[in-house]
Amino acid sequence: MLATEREQFIRSEVTNKGVVYVNQLVKDLKVTPPTIRSDLDKLSKKYNDLDRIHGGIIYKENSLSSPLPDIVVGYNQRAFSNREEKKSIANKAIDLLKNGDTILLDSSSTCFEFASILVNSSIQLTIITNGLSTGALLKQNDSLNVLFIGGLLKKDSNTVYDEFDHSILNNFNVDKYFFSATGLSINSGFSERNLMEVKNKRENVLNAKQAISLMDHTKFDQDSAYTFCTLEEVDCLISDNKLETNTKKLYQNHIQLI
């Protein structure tokens, strides 16, 4: 199929569906992922009503009538500060996975970056998440069993808050819990601004076989309102290469830091 024919197909798909993903287009058009990514980059520059997102492309004009693109667009617009750093962290995190793992991802932008790598991988996983954008992206990969946590959804939020008495997570043996936080410090540990997230994050840290935090360098030495766990309660902390040497040495006295 010629590039112009692929362009017409992709534009038709995205205007009809509101959002399309690389993996599905690879199957439909029978070309390689790099070819599709290149096509999407060109289309987003050519058409003002198309916007490139991690793992796909969205039709901006359709966002009022289709809730999924609206979620994805809003999340991408506000979430990807320090994008390269988060990508670096995600690439380190994938090395900790093995086939058959059951993992839990929070709704953070760093875990969404992690998901954007997983969606193109061949590793077989069961993935549980409360992130709307994360779940929508990961479901495109047939190698992944994706479970979405139900609960309370608030306006302009990417997070579903599990407020039921009996959490679905009680039914699973989670091998690895990947999470981020608003901030962390030596004295206060990992902390969040949102009280609704604190209870669930603490339970997840304690119940998972391994708790692994994904934090870019801007989150260090920052305290938010509510602490949900100490550094010592987390098995591993993954950060980016911009973390200052002195800060890294200080935190290594309290937690394994990659």
Protein backbone atom coordinates (compact mmCIF):
# COMPACT_ATOMS: atom_id res chain seq x y z
CA MET A 1 0.00 0.00 0.00
CA LEU A 2 1.31 3.43 -0.95
CA ALA A 3 1.93 6.12 1.65
CA THR A 4 -0.94 8.22 0.29
CA GLU A 5 -3.29 5.24 0.61
CA ARG A 6 -2.18 4.65 4.21
CA GLU A 7 -2.75 8.32 4.94
CA GLN A 8 -6.30 8.18 3.61
CA PHE A 9 -7.03 5.01 5.59
CA ILE A 10 -5.63 6.39 8.84
CA ARG A 11 -7.43 9.70 8.50
CA SER A 12 -10.72 7.89 7.83
CA GLU A 13 -10.22 5.65 10.87
CA VAL A 14 -9.32 8.43 13.26
CA THR A 15 -12.16 10.73 12.18
CA ASN A 16 -14.65 7.88 12.60
CA LYS A 17 -13.33 6.47 15.88
CA GLY A 18 -11.83 9.55 17.49
CA VAL A 19 -8.62 7.74 18.42
CA VAL A 20 -6.54 5.00 16.76
CA TYR A 21 -3.42 3.25 18.01
CA VAL A 22 -0.20 2.14 16.38
CA ASN A 23 -0.66 -1.56 17.15
CA GLN A 24 -4.06 -1.75 15.49
CA LEU A 25 -2.86 0.15 12.42
CA VAL A 26 0.11 -2.22 12.10
CA LYS A 27 -2.35 -5.13 11.91
CA ASP A 28 -4.75 -3.37 9.55
CA LEU A 29 -2.13 -2.04 7.13
CA LYS A 30 0.44 -4.86 7.51
CA VAL A 31 3.42 -2.54 7.86
CA THR A 32 5.99 -2.05 10.61
CA PRO A 33 5.43 0.07 13.75
CA PRO A 34 8.14 2.61 12.69
CA THR A 35 6.30 3.12 9.39
CA ILE A 36 3.03 3.79 11.19
CA ARG A 37 4.67 6.16 13.67
CA SER A 38 6.21 8.07 10.80
CA ASP A 39 2.79 8.25 9.08
CA LEU A 40 1.17 9.56 12.27
CA ASP A 41 3.88 12.18 12.77
CA LYS A 42 3.32 13.44 9.21
CA LEU A 43 -0.47 13.45 9.55
CA SER A 44 -0.43 15.40 12.81
CA LYS A 45 1.72 18.07 11.18
CA LYS A 46 -0.40 18.16 8.02
CA TYR A 47 -3.85 18.38 9.66
CA ASN A 48 -4.71 20.80 12.46
CA ASP A 49 -7.58 18.59 13.69
CA LEU A 50 -5.25 15.66 14.39
CA ASP A 51 -3.06 15.43 17.46
CA ARG A 52 -0.27 12.93 18.07
CA ILE A 53 -0.41 11.05 21.39
CA HIS A 54 1.65 8.25 22.89
CA GLY A 55 0.86 5.09 20.97
CA GLY A 56 -1.51 6.67 18.46
CA ILE A 57 -3.31 9.71 17.12
CA ILE A 58 -6.58 11.48 18.01
CA TYR A 59 -9.16 13.53 16.15
CA LYS A 60 -9.57 16.73 18.17
CA GLU A 61 -12.84 17.79 16.56
CA ASN A 62 -14.47 14.62 17.84
CA SER A 63 -13.58 15.16 21.48
CA LEU A 64 -16.95 16.65 22.45
CA SER A 65 -18.92 13.65 21.26
CA SER A 66 -16.46 10.91 22.18
CA PRO A 67 -15.37 10.69 25.84
CA LEU A 68 -12.24 8.59 25.29
CA PRO A 69 -10.38 11.06 23.05
CA ASP A 70 -11.27 13.86 25.47
CA ILE A 71 -9.68 11.92 28.32
CA VAL A 72 -6.60 11.06 26.29
CA VAL A 73 -6.11 14.58 24.95
CA GLY A 74 -6.51 16.27 28.32
CA TYR A 75 -4.22 13.81 30.02
CA ASN A 76 -1.48 14.15 27.43
CA GLN A 77 -1.64 17.93 27.44
CA ARG A 78 -1.06 18.25 31.18
CA ALA A 79 0.84 15.07 32.00
CA PHE A 80 3.98 15.03 29.94
CA SER A 81 6.26 17.53 31.52
CA ASN A 82 9.71 15.96 31.78
CA ARG A 83 8.65 13.48 29.11
CA GLU A 84 12.16 12.35 28.17
CA GLU A 85 13.01 11.70 31.80
CA LYS A 86 9.85 9.64 32.26
CA LYS A 87 10.64 7.70 29.11
CA SER A 88 14.10 6.91 30.51
CA ILE A 89 12.52 5.68 33.75
CA ALA A 90 10.04 3.52 31.84
CA ASN A 91 12.82 1.89 29.83
CA LYS A 92 14.56 0.93 33.06
CA ALA A 93 11.34 -0.40 34.59
CA ILE A 94 10.60 -2.81 31.76
CA ASP A 95 13.83 -4.68 32.56
CA LEU A 96 12.27 -5.73 35.89
CA LEU A 97 9.43 -7.63 34.22
CA LYS A 98 9.21 -11.28 33.26
CA ASN A 99 6.63 -13.31 31.33
CA GLY A 100 3.63 -14.21 33.43
CA ASP A 101 3.91 -11.35 35.90
CA THR A 102 0.79 -9.76 37.33
CA ILE A 103 1.50 -6.07 37.71
CA LEU A 104 -0.43 -3.10 39.03
CA LEU A 105 0.04 0.35 37.48
CA ASP A 106 -1.21 3.54 39.07
CA SER A 107 -2.74 6.38 37.06
CA SER A 108 0.39 8.55 36.98
CA SER A 109 1.86 10.02 33.80
CA THR A 110 5.07 8.05 34.37
CA CYS A 111 3.12 4.79 34.41
CA PHE A 112 1.34 5.92 31.25
CA GLU A 113 4.79 6.37 29.69
CA PHE A 114 5.58 2.86 30.90
CA ALA A 115 2.36 1.62 29.27
CA SER A 116 3.34 3.24 25.97
CA ILE A 117 6.35 0.91 25.90
CA LEU A 118 4.47 -2.16 27.10
CA VAL A 119 1.80 -1.79 24.41
CA ASN A 120 4.45 -2.46 21.77
CA SER A 121 6.17 -5.30 23.60
CA SER A 122 5.74 -9.06 23.23
CA ILE A 123 5.96 -9.82 26.97
CA GLN A 124 2.92 -11.61 28.38
CA LEU A 125 1.48 -9.91 31.44
CA THR A 126 -1.66 -9.43 33.45
CA ILE A 127 -1.94 -5.69 34.06
CA ILE A 128 -4.30 -4.06 36.55
CA THR A 129 -4.75 -0.29 36.49
CA ASN A 130 -6.97 2.52 37.67
CA GLY A 131 -5.70 4.88 34.97
CA LEU A 132 -8.25 5.56 32.22
CA SER A 133 -5.68 6.50 29.58
CA THR A 134 -3.36 3.70 30.65
CA GLY A 135 -6.06 1.04 30.31
CA ALA A 136 -7.29 2.42 26.98
CA LEU A 137 -3.77 2.22 25.58
CA LEU A 138 -2.78 -1.20 26.92
CA LYS A 139 -5.89 -3.00 25.66
CA GLN A 140 -4.51 -2.70 22.10
CA ASN A 141 -1.90 -5.41 22.79
CA ASP A 142 -3.25 -8.97 22.57
CA SER A 143 -0.36 -10.28 24.70
CA LEU A 144 -1.64 -8.31 27.68
CA ASN A 145 -4.57 -9.20 29.92
CA VAL A 146 -5.79 -5.80 31.04
CA LEU A 147 -8.07 -5.38 34.05
CA PHE A 148 -9.54 -2.02 34.89
CA ILE A 149 -10.40 -1.10 38.47
CA GLY A 150 -13.91 0.26 38.88
CA GLY A 151 -14.92 3.00 41.25
CA LEU A 152 -15.51 6.72 41.51
CA LEU A 153 -14.60 8.91 38.55
CA LYS A 154 -14.22 12.66 38.99
CA LYS A 155 -14.37 15.39 36.37
CA ASP A 156 -11.06 16.16 34.61
CA SER A 157 -9.41 13.18 36.28
CA ASN A 158 -7.54 10.26 34.77
CA THR A 159 -7.92 8.28 38.00
CA VAL A 160 -10.71 5.93 39.04
CA TYR A 161 -10.90 5.83 42.82
CA ASP A 162 -11.79 2.41 44.22
CA GLU A 163 -14.14 3.37 47.05
CA PHE A 164 -15.97 0.04 47.39
CA ASP A 165 -15.69 -1.96 50.59
CA HIS A 166 -14.26 -5.00 48.81
CA SER A 167 -11.47 -4.13 46.42
CA ILE A 168 -11.00 -6.20 43.26
CA LEU A 169 -7.30 -6.27 44.13
CA ASN A 170 -8.01 -8.67 46.97
CA ASN A 171 -8.60 -11.32 44.32
CA PHE A 172 -5.14 -11.04 42.76
CA ASN A 173 -1.59 -11.84 43.76
CA VAL A 174 0.22 -8.75 42.49
CA ASP A 175 3.87 -9.43 41.71
CA LYS A 176 4.90 -5.82 41.14
CA TYR A 177 3.20 -2.54 41.94
CA PHE A 178 4.52 0.37 39.88
CA PHE A 179 3.58 3.79 41.18
CA SER A 180 4.58 7.41 41.29
CA ALA A 181 3.81 10.17 43.77
CA THR A 182 3.61 13.95 43.94
CA GLY A 183 6.77 14.03 46.00
CA LEU A 184 9.21 12.19 48.23
CA SER A 185 11.70 13.09 50.91
CA ILE A 186 13.95 11.33 53.39
CA ASN A 187 11.82 12.30 56.39
CA SER A 188 8.30 12.12 54.93
CA GLY A 189 8.68 9.32 52.39
CA PHE A 190 6.26 9.18 49.47
CA SER A 191 3.40 11.68 49.55
CA GLU A 192 0.35 12.81 47.58
CA ARG A 193 -1.82 15.91 47.36
CA ASN A 194 -5.02 13.91 46.99
CA LEU A 195 -6.27 12.21 50.16
CA MET A 196 -8.41 9.79 48.10
CA GLU A 197 -5.27 8.25 46.58
CA VAL A 198 -3.40 7.79 49.84
CA LYS A 199 -5.37 4.87 51.29
CA ASN A 200 -5.26 2.77 48.12
CA LYS A 201 -1.61 3.48 47.43
CA ARG A 202 -0.62 2.46 50.94
CA GLU A 203 -2.57 -0.80 50.68
CA ASN A 204 -1.00 -1.54 47.30
CA VAL A 205 2.52 -0.93 48.58
CA LEU A 206 1.97 -3.28 51.52
CA ASN A 207 0.12 -6.02 49.62
CA ALA A 208 2.20 -6.35 46.44
CA LYS A 209 5.16 -8.73 46.45
CA GLN A 210 7.30 -5.85 45.21
CA ALA A 211 6.61 -2.11 45.31
CA ILE A 212 8.53 -0.12 42.70
CA SER A 213 8.38 3.65 42.51
CA LEU A 214 8.93 5.58 39.27
CA MET A 215 9.96 9.16 40.10
CA ASP A 216 11.70 11.76 37.95
CA HIS A 217 14.32 14.01 39.50
CA THR A 218 11.92 16.94 40.04
CA LYS A 219 9.94 14.94 42.64
CA PHE A 220 12.87 14.51 45.06
CA ASP A 221 12.97 16.53 48.30
CA GLN A 222 9.34 17.55 47.81
CA ASP A 223 6.68 17.03 50.48
CA SER A 224 2.96 16.89 49.71
CA ALA A 225 0.09 16.93 52.16
CA TYR A 226 -0.33 13.20 52.84
CA THR A 227 2.35 10.54 53.28
CA PHE A 228 1.35 7.01 52.24
CA CYS A 229 4.59 5.08 52.83
CA THR A 230 8.20 5.42 53.89
CA LEU A 231 11.23 4.88 51.68
CA GLU A 232 12.04 1.69 53.56
CA GLU A 233 8.65 0.17 52.70
CA VAL A 234 9.38 0.35 48.96
CA ASP A 235 11.60 -2.24 47.29
CA CYS A 236 13.02 -0.14 44.51
CA LEU A 237 13.08 3.47 43.28
CA ILE A 238 13.75 4.21 39.60
CA SER A 239 14.70 7.73 38.53
CA ASP A 240 16.32 9.48 35.56
CA ASN A 241 19.91 10.49 34.87
CA LYS A 242 19.32 14.14 35.84
CA LEU A 243 19.18 13.27 39.52
CA GLU A 244 22.10 15.03 41.21
CA THR A 245 24.89 12.79 42.49
CA ASN A 246 24.67 14.05 46.08
CA THR A 247 20.91 13.49 46.16
CA LYS A 248 21.31 10.02 44.71
CA LYS A 249 23.90 9.06 47.35
CA LEU A 250 21.67 10.35 50.14
CA TYR A 251 18.63 8.35 49.03
CA GLN A 252 20.67 5.21 48.39
CA ASN A 253 21.16 4.96 52.15
CA HIS A 254 17.41 4.33 52.50
CA ILE A 255 16.27 2.57 49.33
CA GLN A 256 17.56 0.68 46.31
CA LEU A 257 17.88 3.33 43.61
CA ILE A 258 18.22 2.58 39.90
